[in-house]
Amino acid sequence: MKSPILIVSFMVLFSCSKDKVIDNQAFTCTDEVLFAQEIEPLINQYCIGCHSAGSSSGGYNLEGHSNIANQSQQILGAMQADGFQLMPIGGPALNDTLIQRFRCWIEQGKLDN
């Protein structure tokens, strides 16, 4: 005779889904992404320590709008480890929401707003 607790535990363990839950609200580009309020602070917090005019990190200078806009595809690739080394180096990967906001800014024309 099998223990009811064992049977219930087995049923719960194998009936639960462990798929990643994605909040669809966080992944829409309907809201305008502002460079000065979202993108530049993101770059300053996670990237500028290694990627500024005085640094030698792969030749990327991410100071200012034009540098960020001109290198936006490389930055996005590094955020996602899509053909580039995952950045920020030595730290945890950026969360999906931050990456999506950066992607939305690109899709919205990389405005200096």
PDB file of N, CA and C in Angstrom:
ATOM      1  N   MET A   1       0.845  -1.183   0.000  1.00  0.00           N
ATOM      2  CA  MET A   1       0.000   0.000   0.000  1.00  0.00           C
ATOM      3  C   MET A   1       0.888   1.243   0.000  1.00  0.00           C
ATOM      4  N   LYS A   2       0.596   2.146  -0.887  1.00  0.00           N
ATOM      5  CA  LYS A   2       1.395   3.363  -1.014  1.00  0.00           C
ATOM      6  C   LYS A   2       0.831   4.442  -0.102  1.00  0.00           C
ATOM      7  N   SER A   3       1.711   5.234   0.393  1.00  0.00           N
ATOM      8  CA  SER A   3       1.322   6.319   1.282  1.00  0.00           C
ATOM      9  C   SER A   3       0.595   7.409   0.486  1.00  0.00           C
ATOM     10  N   PRO A   4      -0.531   7.917   1.004  1.00  0.00           N
ATOM     11  CA  PRO A   4      -1.250   8.997   0.307  1.00  0.00           C
ATOM     12  C   PRO A   4      -0.389  10.249   0.152  1.00  0.00           C
ATOM     13  N   ILE A   5       0.464  10.482   1.114  1.00  0.00           N
ATOM     14  CA  ILE A   5       1.332  11.663   1.036  1.00  0.00           C
ATOM     15  C   ILE A   5       2.304  11.511  -0.128  1.00  0.00           C
ATOM     16  N   LEU A   6       2.833  10.334  -0.302  1.00  0.00           N
ATOM     17  CA  LEU A   6       3.754  10.085  -1.402  1.00  0.00           C
ATOM     18  C   LEU A   6       3.061  10.257  -2.749  1.00  0.00           C
ATOM     19  N   ILE A   7       1.870   9.764  -2.874  1.00  0.00           N
ATOM     20  CA  ILE A   7       1.113   9.878  -4.122  1.00  0.00           C
ATOM     21  C   ILE A   7       0.787  11.330  -4.433  1.00  0.00           C
ATOM     22  N   VAL A   8       0.318  12.066  -3.434  1.00  0.00           N
ATOM     23  CA  VAL A   8      -0.015  13.483  -3.632  1.00  0.00           C
ATOM     24  C   VAL A   8       1.244  14.267  -3.981  1.00  0.00           C
ATOM     25  N   SER A   9       2.332  13.990  -3.300  1.00  0.00           N
ATOM     26  CA  SER A   9       3.593  14.694  -3.595  1.00  0.00           C
ATOM     27  C   SER A   9       4.040  14.436  -5.028  1.00  0.00           C
ATOM     28  N   PHE A  10       3.923  13.173  -5.454  1.00  0.00           N
ATOM     29  CA  PHE A  10       4.286  12.811  -6.814  1.00  0.00           C
ATOM     30  C   PHE A  10       3.419  13.562  -7.825  1.00  0.00           C
ATOM     31  N   MET A  11       2.134  13.660  -7.574  1.00  0.00           N
ATOM     32  CA  MET A  11       1.211  14.345  -8.486  1.00  0.00           C
ATOM     33  C   MET A  11       1.516  15.835  -8.567  1.00  0.00           C
ATOM     34  N   VAL A  12       1.797  16.448  -7.439  1.00  0.00           N
ATOM     35  CA  VAL A  12       2.100  17.881  -7.424  1.00  0.00           C
ATOM     36  C   VAL A  12       3.420  18.147  -8.130  1.00  0.00           C
ATOM     37  N   LEU A  13       4.404  17.326  -7.856  1.00  0.00           N
ATOM     38  CA  LEU A  13       5.726  17.521  -8.445  1.00  0.00           C
ATOM     39  C   LEU A  13       5.692  17.456  -9.963  1.00  0.00           C
ATOM     40  N   PHE A  14       4.963  16.515 -10.520  1.00  0.00           N
ATOM     41  CA  PHE A  14       4.964  16.330 -11.966  1.00  0.00           C
ATOM     42  C   PHE A  14       3.838  17.055 -12.694  1.00  0.00           C
ATOM     43  N   SER A  15       2.989  17.742 -11.961  1.00  0.00           N
ATOM     44  CA  SER A  15       1.922  18.481 -12.630  1.00  0.00           C
ATOM     45  C   SER A  15       2.224  19.966 -12.725  1.00  0.00           C
ATOM     46  N   CYS A  16       3.253  20.425 -12.056  1.00  0.00           N
ATOM     47  CA  CYS A  16       3.590  21.849 -12.065  1.00  0.00           C
ATOM     48  C   CYS A  16       4.428  22.187 -13.287  1.00  0.00           C
ATOM     49  N   SER A  17       4.160  23.320 -13.848  1.00  0.00           N
ATOM     50  CA  SER A  17       4.932  23.789 -14.986  1.00  0.00           C
ATOM     51  C   SER A  17       6.008  24.726 -14.487  1.00  0.00           C
ATOM     52  N   LYS A  18       7.194  24.605 -15.005  1.00  0.00           N
ATOM     53  CA  LYS A  18       8.293  25.462 -14.595  1.00  0.00           C
ATOM     54  C   LYS A  18       8.699  26.408 -15.709  1.00  0.00           C
ATOM     55  N   ASP A  19       7.806  26.636 -16.670  1.00  0.00           N
ATOM     56  CA  ASP A  19       8.102  27.555 -17.757  1.00  0.00           C
ATOM     57  C   ASP A  19       8.216  28.974 -17.220  1.00  0.00           C
ATOM     58  N   LYS A  20       9.059  29.750 -17.869  1.00  0.00           N
ATOM     59  CA  LYS A  20       9.224  31.145 -17.493  1.00  0.00           C
ATOM     60  C   LYS A  20       7.949  31.907 -17.807  1.00  0.00           C
ATOM     61  N   VAL A  21       7.473  32.667 -16.838  1.00  0.00           N
ATOM     62  CA  VAL A  21       6.281  33.479 -17.034  1.00  0.00           C
ATOM     63  C   VAL A  21       6.728  34.835 -17.528  1.00  0.00           C
ATOM     64  N   ILE A  22       6.176  35.252 -18.653  1.00  0.00           N
ATOM     65  CA  ILE A  22       6.533  36.538 -19.233  1.00  0.00           C
ATOM     66  C   ILE A  22       5.369  37.496 -19.054  1.00  0.00           C
ATOM     67  N   ASP A  23       5.670  38.648 -18.494  1.00  0.00           N
ATOM     68  CA  ASP A  23       4.661  39.689 -18.322  1.00  0.00           C
ATOM     69  C   ASP A  23       4.559  40.446 -19.637  1.00  0.00           C
ATOM     70  N   ASN A  24       3.498  40.209 -20.387  1.00  0.00           N
ATOM     71  CA  ASN A  24       3.346  40.845 -21.697  1.00  0.00           C
ATOM     72  C   ASN A  24       3.295  42.360 -21.609  1.00  0.00           C
ATOM     73  N   GLN A  25       2.872  42.901 -20.480  1.00  0.00           N
ATOM     74  CA  GLN A  25       2.841  44.353 -20.304  1.00  0.00           C
ATOM     75  C   GLN A  25       4.255  44.931 -20.408  1.00  0.00           C
ATOM     76  N   ALA A  26       5.237  44.220 -19.894  1.00  0.00           N
ATOM     77  CA  ALA A  26       6.605  44.730 -19.866  1.00  0.00           C
ATOM     78  C   ALA A  26       7.285  44.650 -21.227  1.00  0.00           C
ATOM     79  N   PHE A  27       6.694  43.927 -22.180  1.00  0.00           N
ATOM     80  CA  PHE A  27       7.356  43.707 -23.456  1.00  0.00           C
ATOM     81  C   PHE A  27       6.660  44.394 -24.621  1.00  0.00           C
ATOM     82  N   THR A  28       5.954  45.461 -24.362  1.00  0.00           N
ATOM     83  CA  THR A  28       5.335  46.207 -25.447  1.00  0.00           C
ATOM     84  C   THR A  28       6.114  47.496 -25.674  1.00  0.00           C
ATOM     85  N   CYS A  29       6.096  47.948 -26.903  1.00  0.00           N
ATOM     86  CA  CYS A  29       6.796  49.191 -27.234  1.00  0.00           C
ATOM     87  C   CYS A  29       5.807  50.317 -27.495  1.00  0.00           C
ATOM     88  N   THR A  30       4.673  50.265 -26.845  1.00  0.00           N
ATOM     89  CA  THR A  30       3.678  51.301 -27.075  1.00  0.00           C
ATOM     90  C   THR A  30       4.022  52.596 -26.366  1.00  0.00           C
ATOM     91  N   ASP A  31       4.727  52.521 -25.255  1.00  0.00           N
ATOM     92  CA  ASP A  31       5.126  53.727 -24.539  1.00  0.00           C
ATOM     93  C   ASP A  31       6.431  54.261 -25.106  1.00  0.00           C
ATOM     94  N   GLU A  32       6.534  55.567 -25.197  1.00  0.00           N
ATOM     95  CA  GLU A  32       7.765  56.179 -25.682  1.00  0.00           C
ATOM     96  C   GLU A  32       8.889  55.951 -24.679  1.00  0.00           C
ATOM     97  N   VAL A  33      10.020  55.501 -25.165  1.00  0.00           N
ATOM     98  CA  VAL A  33      11.192  55.308 -24.326  1.00  0.00           C
ATOM     99  C   VAL A  33      12.037  56.569 -24.444  1.00  0.00           C
ATOM    100  N   LEU A  34      12.312  57.191 -23.318  1.00  0.00           N
ATOM    101  CA  LEU A  34      13.051  58.449 -23.299  1.00  0.00           C
ATOM    102  C   LEU A  34      14.537  58.195 -23.042  1.00  0.00           C
ATOM    103  N   PHE A  35      15.361  58.726 -23.918  1.00  0.00           N
ATOM    104  CA  PHE A  35      16.797  58.540 -23.803  1.00  0.00           C
ATOM    105  C   PHE A  35      17.318  59.062 -22.472  1.00  0.00           C
ATOM    106  N   ALA A  36      16.984  60.305 -22.129  1.00  0.00           N
ATOM    107  CA  ALA A  36      17.535  60.942 -20.934  1.00  0.00           C
ATOM    108  C   ALA A  36      17.063  60.280 -19.639  1.00  0.00           C
ATOM    109  N   GLN A  37      15.865  59.714 -19.651  1.00  0.00           N
ATOM    110  CA  GLN A  37      15.316  59.136 -18.425  1.00  0.00           C
ATOM    111  C   GLN A  37      15.539  57.638 -18.293  1.00  0.00           C
ATOM    112  N   GLU A  38      15.723  56.930 -19.409  1.00  0.00           N
ATOM    113  CA  GLU A  38      15.835  55.472 -19.336  1.00  0.00           C
ATOM    114  C   GLU A  38      17.128  54.927 -19.930  1.00  0.00           C
ATOM    115  N   ILE A  39      17.461  55.334 -21.140  1.00  0.00           N
ATOM    116  CA  ILE A  39      18.590  54.729 -21.841  1.00  0.00           C
ATOM    117  C   ILE A  39      19.927  55.215 -21.292  1.00  0.00           C
ATOM    118  N   GLU A  40      20.105  56.499 -21.194  1.00  0.00           N
ATOM    119  CA  GLU A  40      21.382  57.009 -20.683  1.00  0.00           C
ATOM    120  C   GLU A  40      21.656  56.543 -19.249  1.00  0.00           C
ATOM    121  N   PRO A  41      20.665  56.580 -18.342  1.00  0.00           N
ATOM    122  CA  PRO A  41      20.931  56.036 -16.997  1.00  0.00           C
ATOM    123  C   PRO A  41      21.267  54.542 -17.007  1.00  0.00           C
ATOM    124  N   LEU A  42      20.637  53.785 -17.883  1.00  0.00           N
ATOM    125  CA  LEU A  42      20.940  52.354 -18.024  1.00  0.00           C
ATOM    126  C   LEU A  42      22.400  52.162 -18.433  1.00  0.00           C
ATOM    127  N   ILE A  43      22.822  52.877 -19.452  1.00  0.00           N
ATOM    128  CA  ILE A  43      24.207  52.795 -19.929  1.00  0.00           C
ATOM    129  C   ILE A  43      25.176  53.265 -18.844  1.00  0.00           C
ATOM    130  N   ASN A  44      24.832  54.362 -18.172  1.00  0.00           N
ATOM    131  CA  ASN A  44      25.709  54.881 -17.116  1.00  0.00           C
ATOM    132  C   ASN A  44      25.865  53.897 -15.959  1.00  0.00           C
ATOM    133  N   GLN A  45      24.786  53.207 -15.618  1.00  0.00           N
ATOM    134  CA  GLN A  45      24.839  52.275 -14.494  1.00  0.00           C
ATOM    135  C   GLN A  45      25.582  50.995 -14.827  1.00  0.00           C
ATOM    136  N   TYR A  46      25.365  50.445 -16.017  1.00  0.00           N
ATOM    137  CA  TYR A  46      25.885  49.118 -16.322  1.00  0.00           C
ATOM    138  C   TYR A  46      27.063  49.084 -17.296  1.00  0.00           C
ATOM    139  N   CYS A  47      27.326  50.161 -18.035  1.00  0.00           N
ATOM    140  CA  CYS A  47      28.297  50.078 -19.128  1.00  0.00           C
ATOM    141  C   CYS A  47      29.443  51.083 -19.053  1.00  0.00           C
ATOM    142  N   ILE A  48      29.152  52.290 -18.631  1.00  0.00           N
ATOM    143  CA  ILE A  48      30.110  53.390 -18.777  1.00  0.00           C
ATOM    144  C   ILE A  48      31.389  53.189 -17.954  1.00  0.00           C
ATOM    145  N   GLY A  49      31.314  52.392 -16.893  1.00  0.00           N
ATOM    146  CA  GLY A  49      32.506  52.142 -16.084  1.00  0.00           C
ATOM    147  C   GLY A  49      33.640  51.527 -16.894  1.00  0.00           C
ATOM    148  N   CYS A  50      33.293  50.738 -17.900  1.00  0.00           N
ATOM    149  CA  CYS A  50      34.302  50.096 -18.754  1.00  0.00           C
ATOM    150  C   CYS A  50      34.337  50.676 -20.167  1.00  0.00           C
ATOM    151  N   HIS A  51      33.262  51.329 -20.577  1.00  0.00           N
ATOM    152  CA  HIS A  51      33.157  51.771 -21.973  1.00  0.00           C
ATOM    153  C   HIS A  51      32.997  53.285 -22.067  1.00  0.00           C
ATOM    154  N   SER A  52      34.081  53.981 -21.734  1.00  0.00           N
ATOM    155  CA  SER A  52      34.109  55.441 -21.840  1.00  0.00           C
ATOM    156  C   SER A  52      35.332  55.850 -22.654  1.00  0.00           C
ATOM    157  N   ALA A  53      35.478  57.125 -22.881  1.00  0.00           N
ATOM    158  CA  ALA A  53      36.571  57.618 -23.726  1.00  0.00           C
ATOM    159  C   ALA A  53      37.943  57.208 -23.196  1.00  0.00           C
ATOM    160  N   GLY A  54      38.108  57.136 -21.894  1.00  0.00           N
ATOM    161  CA  GLY A  54      39.404  56.808 -21.309  1.00  0.00           C
ATOM    162  C   GLY A  54      39.654  55.329 -21.108  1.00  0.00           C
ATOM    163  N   SER A  55      38.691  54.500 -21.431  1.00  0.00           N
ATOM    164  CA  SER A  55      38.859  53.063 -21.204  1.00  0.00           C
ATOM    165  C   SER A  55      39.361  52.370 -22.463  1.00  0.00           C
ATOM    166  N   SER A  56      39.807  51.156 -22.271  1.00  0.00           N
ATOM    167  CA  SER A  56      40.304  50.391 -23.414  1.00  0.00           C
ATOM    168  C   SER A  56      39.499  49.100 -23.586  1.00  0.00           C
ATOM    169  N   SER A  57      38.228  49.128 -23.279  1.00  0.00           N
ATOM    170  CA  SER A  57      37.390  47.926 -23.345  1.00  0.00           C
ATOM    171  C   SER A  57      36.796  47.742 -24.730  1.00  0.00           C
ATOM    172  N   GLY A  58      37.537  47.112 -25.590  1.00  0.00           N
ATOM    173  CA  GLY A  58      37.044  46.793 -26.916  1.00  0.00           C
ATOM    174  C   GLY A  58      36.838  47.987 -27.819  1.00  0.00           C
ATOM    175  N   GLY A  59      37.323  49.132 -27.426  1.00  0.00           N
ATOM    176  CA  GLY A  59      37.190  50.314 -28.266  1.00  0.00           C
ATOM    177  C   GLY A  59      35.805  50.943 -28.275  1.00  0.00           C
ATOM    178  N   TYR A  60      34.941  50.516 -27.389  1.00  0.00           N
ATOM    179  CA  TYR A  60      33.593  51.082 -27.340  1.00  0.00           C
ATOM    180  C   TYR A  60      33.557  52.247 -26.370  1.00  0.00           C
ATOM    181  N   ASN A  61      33.151  53.403 -26.877  1.00  0.00           N
ATOM    182  CA  ASN A  61      32.928  54.574 -26.045  1.00  0.00           C
ATOM    183  C   ASN A  61      31.425  54.819 -26.044  1.00  0.00           C
ATOM    184  N   LEU A  62      30.794  54.639 -24.904  1.00  0.00           N
ATOM    185  CA  LEU A  62      29.344  54.786 -24.807  1.00  0.00           C
ATOM    186  C   LEU A  62      28.936  56.061 -24.082  1.00  0.00           C
ATOM    187  N   GLU A  63      29.772  57.074 -24.201  1.00  0.00           N
ATOM    188  CA  GLU A  63      29.441  58.371 -23.623  1.00  0.00           C
ATOM    189  C   GLU A  63      28.632  59.177 -24.624  1.00  0.00           C
ATOM    190  N   GLY A  64      27.447  59.583 -24.233  1.00  0.00           N
ATOM    191  CA  GLY A  64      26.634  60.463 -25.061  1.00  0.00           C
ATOM    192  C   GLY A  64      25.730  59.742 -26.040  1.00  0.00           C
ATOM    193  N   HIS A  65      24.699  60.458 -26.458  1.00  0.00           N
ATOM    194  CA  HIS A  65      23.669  59.901 -27.332  1.00  0.00           C
ATOM    195  C   HIS A  65      24.216  59.366 -28.641  1.00  0.00           C
ATOM    196  N   SER A  66      25.048  60.134 -29.329  1.00  0.00           N
ATOM    197  CA  SER A  66      25.497  59.701 -30.660  1.00  0.00           C
ATOM    198  C   SER A  66      26.299  58.413 -30.595  1.00  0.00           C
ATOM    199  N   ASN A  67      27.162  58.265 -29.594  1.00  0.00           N
ATOM    200  CA  ASN A  67      27.933  57.024 -29.455  1.00  0.00           C
ATOM    201  C   ASN A  67      27.016  55.834 -29.156  1.00  0.00           C
ATOM    202  N   ILE A  68      26.041  56.034 -28.289  1.00  0.00           N
ATOM    203  CA  ILE A  68      25.113  54.953 -27.943  1.00  0.00           C
ATOM    204  C   ILE A  68      24.255  54.597 -29.149  1.00  0.00           C
ATOM    205  N   ALA A  69      23.730  55.608 -29.835  1.00  0.00           N
ATOM    206  CA  ALA A  69      22.881  55.354 -31.001  1.00  0.00           C
ATOM    207  C   ALA A  69      23.651  54.653 -32.111  1.00  0.00           C
ATOM    208  N   ASN A  70      24.875  55.087 -32.363  1.00  0.00           N
ATOM    209  CA  ASN A  70      25.687  54.497 -33.439  1.00  0.00           C
ATOM    210  C   ASN A  70      26.095  53.053 -33.151  1.00  0.00           C
ATOM    211  N   GLN A  71      26.163  52.697 -31.901  1.00  0.00           N
ATOM    212  CA  GLN A  71      26.587  51.350 -31.512  1.00  0.00           C
ATOM    213  C   GLN A  71      25.443  50.548 -30.881  1.00  0.00           C
ATOM    214  N   SER A  72      24.221  50.983 -31.114  1.00  0.00           N
ATOM    215  CA  SER A  72      23.066  50.386 -30.437  1.00  0.00           C
ATOM    216  C   SER A  72      22.890  48.902 -30.726  1.00  0.00           C
ATOM    217  N   GLN A  73      23.144  48.463 -31.954  1.00  0.00           N
ATOM    218  CA  GLN A  73      22.982  47.044 -32.277  1.00  0.00           C
ATOM    219  C   GLN A  73      24.042  46.195 -31.565  1.00  0.00           C
ATOM    220  N   GLN A  74      25.251  46.701 -31.464  1.00  0.00           N
ATOM    221  CA  GLN A  74      26.300  45.993 -30.742  1.00  0.00           C
ATOM    222  C   GLN A  74      25.969  45.926 -29.249  1.00  0.00           C
ATOM    223  N   ILE A  75      25.457  47.025 -28.721  1.00  0.00           N
ATOM    224  CA  ILE A  75      25.078  47.064 -27.306  1.00  0.00           C
ATOM    225  C   ILE A  75      23.970  46.048 -27.038  1.00  0.00           C
ATOM    226  N   LEU A  76      22.946  46.055 -27.881  1.00  0.00           N
ATOM    227  CA  LEU A  76      21.845  45.109 -27.721  1.00  0.00           C
ATOM    228  C   LEU A  76      22.355  43.675 -27.840  1.00  0.00           C
ATOM    229  N   GLY A  77      23.233  43.424 -28.794  1.00  0.00           N
ATOM    230  CA  GLY A  77      23.812  42.092 -28.944  1.00  0.00           C
ATOM    231  C   GLY A  77      24.569  41.651 -27.701  1.00  0.00           C
ATOM    232  N   ALA A  78      25.293  42.567 -27.079  1.00  0.00           N
ATOM    233  CA  ALA A  78      26.038  42.249 -25.861  1.00  0.00           C
ATOM    234  C   ALA A  78      25.097  42.038 -24.672  1.00  0.00           C
ATOM    235  N   MET A  79      24.009  42.769 -24.626  1.00  0.00           N
ATOM    236  CA  MET A  79      23.027  42.588 -23.548  1.00  0.00           C
ATOM    237  C   MET A  79      22.384  41.207 -23.623  1.00  0.00           C
ATOM    238  N   GLN A  80      22.268  40.675 -24.839  1.00  0.00           N
ATOM    239  CA  GLN A  80      21.591  39.393 -25.057  1.00  0.00           C
ATOM    240  C   GLN A  80      22.567  38.251 -25.327  1.00  0.00           C
ATOM    241  N   ALA A  81      23.859  38.533 -25.388  1.00  0.00           N
ATOM    242  CA  ALA A  81      24.876  37.555 -25.779  1.00  0.00           C
ATOM    243  C   ALA A  81      24.552  36.981 -27.151  1.00  0.00           C
ATOM    244  N   ASP A  82      24.109  37.841 -28.043  1.00  0.00           N
ATOM    245  CA  ASP A  82      23.726  37.454 -29.396  1.00  0.00           C
ATOM    246  C   ASP A  82      24.845  37.854 -30.355  1.00  0.00           C
ATOM    247  N   GLY A  83      25.851  36.994 -30.479  1.00  0.00           N
ATOM    248  CA  GLY A  83      26.996  37.279 -31.333  1.00  0.00           C
ATOM    249  C   GLY A  83      28.081  38.088 -30.641  1.00  0.00           C
ATOM    250  N   PHE A  84      27.859  38.427 -29.395  1.00  0.00           N
ATOM    251  CA  PHE A  84      28.807  39.215 -28.606  1.00  0.00           C
ATOM    252  C   PHE A  84      28.943  38.562 -27.234  1.00  0.00           C
ATOM    253  N   GLN A  85      30.002  38.917 -26.526  1.00  0.00           N
ATOM    254  CA  GLN A  85      30.147  38.451 -25.151  1.00  0.00           C
ATOM    255  C   GLN A  85      29.062  39.101 -24.306  1.00  0.00           C
ATOM    256  N   LEU A  86      28.450  38.326 -23.424  1.00  0.00           N
ATOM    257  CA  LEU A  86      27.409  38.848 -22.560  1.00  0.00           C
ATOM    258  C   LEU A  86      27.959  39.962 -21.683  1.00  0.00           C
ATOM    259  N   MET A  87      27.249  41.059 -21.658  1.00  0.00           N
ATOM    260  CA  MET A  87      27.601  42.202 -20.814  1.00  0.00           C
ATOM    261  C   MET A  87      26.442  42.475 -19.869  1.00  0.00           C
ATOM    262  N   PRO A  88      26.689  43.081 -18.744  1.00  0.00           N
ATOM    263  CA  PRO A  88      27.997  43.546 -18.271  1.00  0.00           C
ATOM    264  C   PRO A  88      28.873  42.375 -17.835  1.00  0.00           C
ATOM    265  N   ILE A  89      30.124  42.500 -18.153  1.00  0.00           N
ATOM    266  CA  ILE A  89      31.085  41.444 -17.860  1.00  0.00           C
ATOM    267  C   ILE A  89      31.265  41.347 -16.343  1.00  0.00           C
ATOM    268  N   GLY A  90      31.299  40.141 -15.852  1.00  0.00           N
ATOM    269  CA  GLY A  90      31.517  39.933 -14.422  1.00  0.00           C
ATOM    270  C   GLY A  90      30.298  40.169 -13.555  1.00  0.00           C
ATOM    271  N   GLY A  91      29.218  40.598 -14.145  1.00  0.00           N
ATOM    272  CA  GLY A  91      28.015  40.838 -13.367  1.00  0.00           C
ATOM    273  C   GLY A  91      26.873  40.018 -13.884  1.00  0.00           C
ATOM    274  N   PRO A  92      25.748  40.076 -13.227  1.00  0.00           N
ATOM    275  CA  PRO A  92      24.601  39.334 -13.739  1.00  0.00           C
ATOM    276  C   PRO A  92      24.079  39.972 -15.028  1.00  0.00           C
ATOM    277  N   ALA A  93      23.468  39.161 -15.854  1.00  0.00           N
ATOM    278  CA  ALA A  93      22.859  39.677 -17.086  1.00  0.00           C
ATOM    279  C   ALA A  93      21.750  40.657 -16.728  1.00  0.00           C
ATOM    280  N   LEU A  94      21.521  41.593 -17.610  1.00  0.00           N
ATOM    281  CA  LEU A  94      20.430  42.539 -17.394  1.00  0.00           C
ATOM    282  C   LEU A  94      19.102  41.804 -17.486  1.00  0.00           C
ATOM    283  N   ASN A  95      18.111  42.305 -16.761  1.00  0.00           N
ATOM    284  CA  ASN A  95      16.811  41.644 -16.824  1.00  0.00           C
ATOM    285  C   ASN A  95      16.130  41.940 -18.160  1.00  0.00           C
ATOM    286  N   ASP A  96      15.183  41.077 -18.499  1.00  0.00           N
ATOM    287  CA  ASP A  96      14.494  41.162 -19.794  1.00  0.00           C
ATOM    288  C   ASP A  96      13.814  42.504 -20.018  1.00  0.00           C
ATOM    289  N   THR A  97      13.296  43.103 -18.965  1.00  0.00           N
ATOM    290  CA  THR A  97      12.593  44.376 -19.105  1.00  0.00           C
ATOM    291  C   THR A  97      13.550  45.479 -19.546  1.00  0.00           C
ATOM    292  N   LEU A  98      14.736  45.546 -18.958  1.00  0.00           N
ATOM    293  CA  LEU A  98      15.718  46.561 -19.358  1.00  0.00           C
ATOM    294  C   LEU A  98      16.149  46.355 -20.806  1.00  0.00           C
ATOM    295  N   ILE A  99      16.380  45.112 -21.173  1.00  0.00           N
ATOM    296  CA  ILE A  99      16.782  44.815 -22.548  1.00  0.00           C
ATOM    297  C   ILE A  99      15.673  45.195 -23.515  1.00  0.00           C
ATOM    298  N   GLN A 100      14.437  44.895 -23.170  1.00  0.00           N
ATOM    299  CA  GLN A 100      13.316  45.224 -24.043  1.00  0.00           C
ATOM    300  C   GLN A 100      13.135  46.732 -24.170  1.00  0.00           C
ATOM    301  N   ARG A 101      13.335  47.469 -23.097  1.00  0.00           N
ATOM    302  CA  ARG A 101      13.228  48.936 -23.175  1.00  0.00           C
ATOM    303  C   ARG A 101      14.290  49.475 -24.131  1.00  0.00           C
ATOM    304  N   PHE A 102      15.494  48.922 -24.078  1.00  0.00           N
ATOM    305  CA  PHE A 102      16.560  49.345 -24.997  1.00  0.00           C
ATOM    306  C   PHE A 102      16.165  49.000 -26.431  1.00  0.00           C
ATOM    307  N   ARG A 103      15.639  47.805 -26.649  1.00  0.00           N
ATOM    308  CA  ARG A 103      15.183  47.394 -27.988  1.00  0.00           C
ATOM    309  C   ARG A 103      14.079  48.329 -28.488  1.00  0.00           C
ATOM    310  N   CYS A 104      13.148  48.682 -27.626  1.00  0.00           N
ATOM    311  CA  CYS A 104      12.065  49.607 -28.013  1.00  0.00           C
ATOM    312  C   CYS A 104      12.633  50.957 -28.420  1.00  0.00           C
ATOM    313  N   TRP A 105      13.618  51.444 -27.684  1.00  0.00           N
ATOM    314  CA  TRP A 105      14.238  52.733 -28.015  1.00  0.00           C
ATOM    315  C   TRP A 105      14.839  52.669 -29.419  1.00  0.00           C
ATOM    316  N   ILE A 106      15.481  51.574 -29.755  1.00  0.00           N
ATOM    317  CA  ILE A 106      16.032  51.396 -31.104  1.00  0.00           C
ATOM    318  C   ILE A 106      14.905  51.429 -32.129  1.00  0.00           C
ATOM    319  N   GLU A 107      13.855  50.633 -31.893  1.00  0.00           N
ATOM    320  CA  GLU A 107      12.733  50.544 -32.833  1.00  0.00           C
ATOM    321  C   GLU A 107      12.019  51.892 -32.989  1.00  0.00           C
ATOM    322  N   GLN A 108      12.066  52.724 -31.958  1.00  0.00           N
ATOM    323  CA  GLN A 108      11.420  54.032 -32.015  1.00  0.00           C
ATOM    324  C   GLN A 108      12.295  55.096 -32.662  1.00  0.00           C
ATOM    325  N   GLY A 109      13.438  54.700 -33.173  1.00  0.00           N
ATOM    326  CA  GLY A 109      14.272  55.633 -33.928  1.00  0.00           C
ATOM    327  C   GLY A 109      15.487  56.169 -33.197  1.00  0.00           C
ATOM    328  N   LYS A 110      15.806  55.628 -32.020  1.00  0.00           N
ATOM    329  CA  LYS A 110      16.988  56.046 -31.248  1.00  0.00           C
ATOM    330  C   LYS A 110      16.994  57.563 -31.013  1.00  0.00           C
ATOM    331  N   LEU A 111      15.857  58.084 -30.591  1.00  0.00           N
ATOM    332  CA  LEU A 111      15.707  59.522 -30.410  1.00  0.00           C
ATOM    333  C   LEU A 111      16.531  60.039 -29.236  1.00  0.00           C
ATOM    334  N   ASP A 112      16.977  61.265 -29.363  1.00  0.00           N
ATOM    335  CA  ASP A 112      17.690  61.958 -28.287  1.00  0.00           C
ATOM    336  C   ASP A 112      16.665  62.795 -27.542  1.00  0.00           C
ATOM    337  N   ASN A 113      15.828  62.130 -26.788  1.00  0.00           N
ATOM    338  CA  ASN A 113      14.731  62.822 -26.091  1.00  0.00           C
ATOM    339  C   ASN A 113      14.846  62.692 -24.586  1.00  0.00           C
TER     340      ASN A 113
END
